[in-house]
C-alpha atoms as a PDB file:
ATOM      1  CA  MET A   1      95.797 126.339  86.673  1.00  0.00           C
ATOM      2  CA  ARG A   2      96.322 122.580  86.012  1.00  0.00           C
ATOM      3  CA  THR A   3      98.970 122.042  83.331  1.00  0.00           C
ATOM      4  CA  GLY A   4      99.394 118.282  83.657  1.00  0.00           C
ATOM      5  CA  ARG A   5      97.561 115.486  82.100  1.00  0.00           C
ATOM      6  CA  PHE A   6      95.326 112.994  83.813  1.00  0.00           C
ATOM      7  CA  ILE A   7      95.116 109.372  82.501  1.00  0.00           C
ATOM      8  CA  THR A   8      93.096 106.664  84.188  1.00  0.00           C
ATOM      9  CA  PHE A   9      92.712 102.839  83.767  1.00  0.00           C
ATOM     10  CA  GLU A  10      89.508 101.034  84.342  1.00  0.00           C
ATOM     11  CA  GLY A  11      88.244  97.548  84.023  1.00  0.00           C
ATOM     12  CA  ILE A  12      86.849  94.579  85.969  1.00  0.00           C
ATOM     13  CA  ASP A  13      88.731  92.794  88.650  1.00  0.00           C
ATOM     14  CA  GLY A  14      91.703  90.744  87.242  1.00  0.00           C
ATOM     15  CA  SER A  15      91.612  92.738  83.884  1.00  0.00           C
ATOM     16  CA  GLY A  16      95.244  93.492  83.972  1.00  0.00           C
ATOM     17  CA  LYS A  17      94.749  97.313  84.233  1.00  0.00           C
ATOM     18  CA  THR A  18      97.220  97.549  87.129  1.00  0.00           C
ATOM     19  CA  THR A  19      99.900  95.992  85.105  1.00  0.00           C
ATOM     20  CA  GLN A  20      99.228  98.223  82.146  1.00  0.00           C
ATOM     21  CA  ALA A  21      99.140 101.342  84.348  1.00  0.00           C
ATOM     22  CA  ARG A  22     102.604 100.501  85.615  1.00  0.00           C
ATOM     23  CA  ALA A  23     103.970  99.746  82.206  1.00  0.00           C
ATOM     24  CA  LEU A  24     102.639 103.065  80.829  1.00  0.00           C
ATOM     25  CA  ALA A  25     104.222 104.975  83.787  1.00  0.00           C
ATOM     26  CA  GLU A  26     107.566 103.361  83.174  1.00  0.00           C
ATOM     27  CA  ARG A  27     107.452 104.049  79.459  1.00  0.00           C
ATOM     28  CA  LEU A  28     106.602 107.672  79.925  1.00  0.00           C
ATOM     29  CA  ARG A  29     109.236 108.160  82.639  1.00  0.00           C
ATOM     30  CA  ALA A  30     111.893 106.563  80.302  1.00  0.00           C
ATOM     31  CA  ALA A  31     110.795 109.167  77.739  1.00  0.00           C
ATOM     32  CA  GLY A  32     111.605 111.933  80.181  1.00  0.00           C
ATOM     33  CA  ARG A  33     108.170 112.781  81.433  1.00  0.00           C
ATOM     34  CA  ASP A  34     107.356 113.484  85.129  1.00  0.00           C
ATOM     35  CA  VAL A  35     104.827 110.851  86.116  1.00  0.00           C
ATOM     36  CA  LEU A  36     102.832 110.119  89.187  1.00  0.00           C
ATOM     37  CA  LEU A  37     101.368 106.686  89.456  1.00  0.00           C
ATOM     38  CA  THR A  38      98.598 106.348  91.922  1.00  0.00           C
ATOM     39  CA  ARG A  39      95.460 104.218  92.603  1.00  0.00           C
ATOM     40  CA  GLU A  40      91.933 104.189  93.883  1.00  0.00           C
ATOM     41  CA  PRO A  41      90.590 103.511  96.310  1.00  0.00           C
ATOM     42  CA  GLY A  42      93.665 104.876  97.919  1.00  0.00           C
ATOM     43  CA  GLY A  43      96.453 107.109  96.660  1.00  0.00           C
ATOM     44  CA  SER A  44      96.716 109.333  99.768  1.00  0.00           C
ATOM     45  CA  PRO A  45      97.068 108.397 103.446  1.00  0.00           C
ATOM     46  CA  GLY A  46      93.491 109.027 104.319  1.00  0.00           C
ATOM     47  CA  ALA A  47      92.194 107.308 101.299  1.00  0.00           C
ATOM     48  CA  GLU A  48      94.350 104.266 101.988  1.00  0.00           C
ATOM     49  CA  GLU A  49      92.665 103.925 105.329  1.00  0.00           C
ATOM     50  CA  ILE A  50      89.291 103.975 103.753  1.00  0.00           C
ATOM     51  CA  ARG A  51      90.479 101.416 101.181  1.00  0.00           C
ATOM     52  CA  ARG A  52      90.856  98.778 103.757  1.00  0.00           C
ATOM     53  CA  LEU A  53      87.336  99.266 104.652  1.00  0.00           C
ATOM     54  CA  LEU A  54      86.193  98.724 101.114  1.00  0.00           C
ATOM     55  CA  VAL A  55      88.263  95.909  99.747  1.00  0.00           C
ATOM     56  CA  GLN A  56      88.497  93.619 102.744  1.00  0.00           C
ATOM     57  CA  GLY A  57      85.937  91.643 104.617  1.00  0.00           C
ATOM     58  CA  ASP A  58      82.635  90.021 103.774  1.00  0.00           C
ATOM     59  CA  ALA A  59      81.110  90.806 100.363  1.00  0.00           C
ATOM     60  CA  SER A  60      77.884  91.832 102.118  1.00  0.00           C
ATOM     61  CA  ARG A  61      79.705  94.192 104.559  1.00  0.00           C
ATOM     62  CA  TRP A  62      78.357  97.460 103.015  1.00  0.00           C
ATOM     63  CA  SER A  63      75.342  98.357 101.026  1.00  0.00           C
ATOM     64  CA  ALA A  64      75.893  99.936  97.685  1.00  0.00           C
ATOM     65  CA  GLU A  65      74.746 103.280  99.110  1.00  0.00           C
ATOM     66  CA  THR A  66      77.287 103.135 101.862  1.00  0.00           C
ATOM     67  CA  GLU A  67      80.019 102.157  99.367  1.00  0.00           C
ATOM     68  CA  ILE A  68      79.208 105.221  97.279  1.00  0.00           C
ATOM     69  CA  LEU A  69      79.801 107.474 100.250  1.00  0.00           C
ATOM     70  CA  LEU A  70      83.031 105.689 101.312  1.00  0.00           C
ATOM     71  CA  PHE A  71      84.427 105.772  97.720  1.00  0.00           C
ATOM     72  CA  THR A  72      83.582 109.510  97.340  1.00  0.00           C
ATOM     73  CA  ALA A  73      85.169 110.332 100.619  1.00  0.00           C
ATOM     74  CA  ALA A  74      88.414 108.387  99.619  1.00  0.00           C
ATOM     75  CA  ARG A  75      88.341 110.126  96.118  1.00  0.00           C
ATOM     76  CA  ARG A  76      87.987 113.578  97.584  1.00  0.00           C
ATOM     77  CA  ASP A  77      91.113 113.115  99.787  1.00  0.00           C
ATOM     78  CA  HIS A  78      92.972 111.505  96.930  1.00  0.00           C
ATOM     79  CA  LEU A  79      92.064 114.468  94.710  1.00  0.00           C
ATOM     80  CA  GLU A  80      93.067 117.116  97.284  1.00  0.00           C
ATOM     81  CA  LYS A  81      96.210 115.466  98.497  1.00  0.00           C
ATOM     82  CA  THR A  82      97.617 113.738  95.439  1.00  0.00           C
ATOM     83  CA  VAL A  83      96.034 114.299  92.047  1.00  0.00           C
ATOM     84  CA  GLU A  84      95.438 118.018  91.941  1.00  0.00           C
ATOM     85  CA  PRO A  85      98.907 119.056  93.358  1.00  0.00           C
ATOM     86  CA  ALA A  86     100.603 116.831  90.794  1.00  0.00           C
ATOM     87  CA  LEU A  87      98.481 118.291  87.847  1.00  0.00           C
ATOM     88  CA  ILE A  88      99.214 121.810  89.043  1.00  0.00           C
ATOM     89  CA  ALA A  89     102.920 120.983  89.036  1.00  0.00           C
ATOM     90  CA  GLY A  90     102.582 119.843  85.396  1.00  0.00           C
ATOM     91  CA  SER A  91     103.008 116.106  86.000  1.00  0.00           C
ATOM     92  CA  THR A  92     101.260 113.335  84.092  1.00  0.00           C
ATOM     93  CA  VAL A  93      98.974 111.583  86.538  1.00  0.00           C
ATOM     94  CA  ILE A  94      98.190 107.903  85.982  1.00  0.00           C
ATOM     95  CA  SER A  95      95.559 106.438  88.210  1.00  0.00           C
ATOM     96  CA  ASP A  96      94.551 102.777  88.515  1.00  0.00           C
ATOM     97  CA  ARG A  97      90.813 103.552  88.808  1.00  0.00           C
ATOM     98  CA  PHE A  98      88.936 106.771  89.302  1.00  0.00           C
ATOM     99  CA  ALA A  99      85.304 107.914  89.238  1.00  0.00           C
ATOM    100  CA  ASP A 100      84.324 105.587  86.449  1.00  0.00           C
ATOM    101  CA  SER A 101      84.689 102.597  88.722  1.00  0.00           C
ATOM    102  CA  THR A 102      81.983 103.963  91.079  1.00  0.00           C
ATOM    103  CA  ARG A 103      79.684 104.765  88.089  1.00  0.00           C
ATOM    104  CA  VAL A 104      79.909 101.119  87.061  1.00  0.00           C
ATOM    105  CA  TYR A 105      80.353  99.161  90.256  1.00  0.00           C
ATOM    106  CA  GLN A 106      77.901 100.962  92.502  1.00  0.00           C
ATOM    107  CA  GLY A 107      75.968 102.983  89.954  1.00  0.00           C
ATOM    108  CA  ALA A 108      75.084 100.045  87.687  1.00  0.00           C
ATOM    109  CA  ALA A 109      76.298  96.577  88.792  1.00  0.00           C
ATOM    110  CA  ARG A 110      75.428  96.821  92.424  1.00  0.00           C
ATOM    111  CA  GLY A 111      72.104  98.717  91.823  1.00  0.00           C
ATOM    112  CA  ASP A 112      70.353 101.375  89.842  1.00  0.00           C
ATOM    113  CA  LEU A 113      72.154 104.193  91.614  1.00  0.00           C
ATOM    114  CA  ARG A 114      73.880 106.013  88.784  1.00  0.00           C
ATOM    115  CA  ALA A 115      71.927 109.244  89.426  1.00  0.00           C
ATOM    116  CA  LEU A 116      73.188 109.337  93.080  1.00  0.00           C
ATOM    117  CA  VAL A 117      76.727 108.607  92.049  1.00  0.00           C
ATOM    118  CA  ASP A 118      76.650 111.485  89.527  1.00  0.00           C
ATOM    119  CA  ARG A 119      75.174 113.993  92.042  1.00  0.00           C
ATOM    120  CA  LEU A 120      77.929 113.176  94.577  1.00  0.00           C
ATOM    121  CA  HIS A 121      80.529 113.365  91.933  1.00  0.00           C
ATOM    122  CA  ASP A 122      79.327 116.734  90.663  1.00  0.00           C
ATOM    123  CA  ALA A 123      79.200 118.094  94.175  1.00  0.00           C
ATOM    124  CA  MET A 124      82.440 116.711  95.670  1.00  0.00           C
ATOM    125  CA  ILE A 125      84.869 115.700  92.796  1.00  0.00           C
ATOM    126  CA  GLY A 126      84.055 117.668  89.612  1.00  0.00           C
ATOM    127  CA  THR A 127      87.118 116.285  87.733  1.00  0.00           C
ATOM    128  CA  GLU A 128      87.409 113.956  84.766  1.00  0.00           C
ATOM    129  CA  PRO A 129      90.467 112.411  83.185  1.00  0.00           C
ATOM    130  CA  HIS A 130      91.783 113.637  79.887  1.00  0.00           C
ATOM    131  CA  LEU A 131      92.001 109.876  78.824  1.00  0.00           C
ATOM    132  CA  THR A 132      90.352 106.755  80.284  1.00  0.00           C
ATOM    133  CA  LEU A 133      91.752 103.409  79.079  1.00  0.00           C
ATOM    134  CA  ILE A 134      89.272 100.527  79.782  1.00  0.00           C
ATOM    135  CA  ILE A 135      90.890  97.140  79.605  1.00  0.00           C
ATOM    136  CA  ASP A 136      88.108  94.867  78.323  1.00  0.00           C
ATOM    137  CA  VAL A 137      88.514  91.191  79.162  1.00  0.00           C
ATOM    138  CA  GLU A 138      86.365  88.021  79.236  1.00  0.00           C
ATOM    139  CA  PRO A 139      84.886  88.080  82.775  1.00  0.00           C
ATOM    140  CA  GLY A 140      85.474  84.299  83.661  1.00  0.00           C
ATOM    141  CA  ALA A 141      89.120  84.431  82.858  1.00  0.00           C
ATOM    142  CA  ALA A 142      89.550  87.809  84.752  1.00  0.00           C
ATOM    143  CA  LEU A 143      87.659  86.471  87.825  1.00  0.00           C
ATOM    144  CA  ALA A 144      89.962  83.314  87.929  1.00  0.00           C
ATOM    145  CA  ARG A 145      93.016  85.461  87.724  1.00  0.00           C
ATOM    146  CA  GLY A 146      91.820  87.905  90.442  1.00  0.00           C
ATOM    147  CA  LEU A 147      90.998  85.192  92.875  1.00  0.00           C
ATOM    148  CA  ALA A 148      94.335  83.385  92.173  1.00  0.00           C
ATOM    149  CA  ARG A 149      96.183  86.494  93.529  1.00  0.00           C
ATOM    150  CA  ASN A 150      94.854  85.673  96.967  1.00  0.00           C
ATOM    151  CA  SER A 151      95.677  89.290  97.916  1.00  0.00           C
ATOM    152  CA  GLY A 152      93.198  89.476 100.829  1.00  0.00           C
ATOM    153  CA  GLU A 153      91.519  92.398  98.893  1.00  0.00           C
ATOM    154  CA  ASP A 154      89.004  90.177  96.997  1.00  0.00           C
ATOM    155  CA  ARG A 155      85.749  91.423  98.408  1.00  0.00           C
ATOM    156  CA  PHE A 156      84.352  92.287  95.001  1.00  0.00           C
ATOM    157  CA  GLU A 157      85.644  89.096  93.374  1.00  0.00           C
ATOM    158  CA  ASP A 158      83.575  87.194  96.036  1.00  0.00           C
ATOM    159  CA  LEU A 159      80.474  88.572  94.478  1.00  0.00           C
ATOM    160  CA  GLY A 160      81.016  86.026  91.720  1.00  0.00           C
ATOM    161  CA  LEU A 161      80.881  85.645  87.959  1.00  0.00           C
ATOM    162  CA  ALA A 162      77.434  87.196  87.380  1.00  0.00           C
ATOM    163  CA  PHE A 163      78.671  90.412  89.127  1.00  0.00           C
ATOM    164  CA  GLN A 164      81.763  90.554  87.039  1.00  0.00           C
ATOM    165  CA  THR A 165      79.775  90.024  83.888  1.00  0.00           C
ATOM    166  CA  ARG A 166      77.470  93.042  84.845  1.00  0.00           C
ATOM    167  CA  LEU A 167      80.610  95.014  85.424  1.00  0.00           C
ATOM    168  CA  ALA A 168      82.110  94.232  81.990  1.00  0.00           C
ATOM    169  CA  THR A 169      78.772  95.254  80.321  1.00  0.00           C
ATOM    170  CA  GLY A 170      78.812  98.448  82.460  1.00  0.00           C
ATOM    171  CA  PHE A 171      82.319  99.473  81.331  1.00  0.00           C
ATOM    172  CA  ARG A 172      81.508  98.932  77.692  1.00  0.00           C
ATOM    173  CA  ALA A 173      78.410 101.044  78.057  1.00  0.00           C
ATOM    174  CA  LEU A 174      80.609 103.754  79.686  1.00  0.00           C
ATOM    175  CA  ALA A 175      82.850 103.696  76.702  1.00  0.00           C
ATOM    176  CA  ARG A 176      79.923 104.455  74.470  1.00  0.00           C
ATOM    177  CA  GLU A 177      78.740 107.121  76.792  1.00  0.00           C
ATOM    178  CA  PHE A 178      81.906 109.081  76.936  1.00  0.00           C
ATOM    179  CA  PRO A 179      83.618 108.460  73.446  1.00  0.00           C
ATOM    180  CA  GLU A 180      85.587 111.659  73.742  1.00  0.00           C
ATOM    181  CA  ARG A 181      87.860 110.392  76.531  1.00  0.00           C
ATOM    182  CA  CYS A 182      87.184 106.646  76.862  1.00  0.00           C
ATOM    183  CA  ARG A 183      88.994 104.085  74.843  1.00  0.00           C
ATOM    184  CA  LEU A 184      88.167 100.340  75.005  1.00  0.00           C
ATOM    185  CA  VAL A 185      91.289  98.162  74.773  1.00  0.00           C
ATOM    186  CA  ASP A 186      91.092  94.486  74.110  1.00  0.00           C
ATOM    187  CA  GLY A 187      92.724  92.864  77.087  1.00  0.00           C
ATOM    188  CA  ASN A 188      92.384  89.315  75.815  1.00  0.00           C
ATOM    189  CA  ARG A 189      95.862  89.562  74.234  1.00  0.00           C
ATOM    190  CA  ASP A 190      99.527  89.269  75.021  1.00  0.00           C
ATOM    191  CA  ILE A 191     100.586  91.769  77.631  1.00  0.00           C
ATOM    192  CA  ASP A 192     103.056  93.438  75.252  1.00  0.00           C
ATOM    193  CA  ALA A 193     100.509  93.811  72.524  1.00  0.00           C
ATOM    194  CA  ILE A 194      98.116  95.602  74.904  1.00  0.00           C
ATOM    195  CA  ALA A 195     100.887  97.829  76.245  1.00  0.00           C
ATOM    196  CA  ALA A 196     101.873  98.972  72.705  1.00  0.00           C
ATOM    197  CA  GLU A 197      98.231  99.981  71.974  1.00  0.00           C
ATOM    198  CA  VAL A 198      98.014 101.634  75.409  1.00  0.00           C
ATOM    199  CA  ALA A 199     101.192 103.605  74.698  1.00  0.00           C
ATOM    200  CA  ALA A 200      99.928 104.811  71.294  1.00  0.00           C
ATOM    201  CA  LEU A 201      96.652 105.932  72.753  1.00  0.00           C
ATOM    202  CA  ALA A 202      98.337 107.695  75.550  1.00  0.00           C
ATOM    203  CA  GLN A 203     100.846 109.477  73.270  1.00  0.00           C
ATOM    204  CA  ALA A 204      98.060 110.737  71.160  1.00  0.00           C
ATOM    205  CA  ALA A 205      96.319 112.191  74.230  1.00  0.00           C
ATOM    206  CA  LEU A 206      99.527 113.690  75.480  1.00  0.00           C
ATOM    207  CA  GLU A 207     100.196 115.464  72.167  1.00  0.00           C
END
């Protein structure tokens, strides 16, 4: 039986979700909770190997269909090796991205492939978070911030502003589709103001 709680952060590249995921993990740990902070793609040794295939290299390296298979393989390993054991142990798991990213990136913004994404998710993952926090930001500003990181993991940023705009639209649609677990958070604000809202939403879910 899973006794822990599963919280995910979503948003376009450069939205600040990674910063907010770390801040929430620190806040919950300071309050005495056992917290596991993880990420996708990645979060387990096998999934981290697949991550390099997905986020590095030319933007046209993979088709959307191939990306779906790679992301699903990485997610399955992450779920088996990291997420499920922590939830069974009663930990609060915070993940920087999960299945919603594939629903939006490959299922909507990269092509009309949502049905395929959902079939693979149902067959191989079958897990949804208790709470998903979508950091909603203006795509142009987010893209500039993402590229400025010069992380070497900017394959999706290289697809340009039109792609980031489609992503933002897709995440907003996702929040409407799953209102019971998704919360849209205005990311065009001071970091501390965003963190305060994130903490309040997380606390409500954990209670």
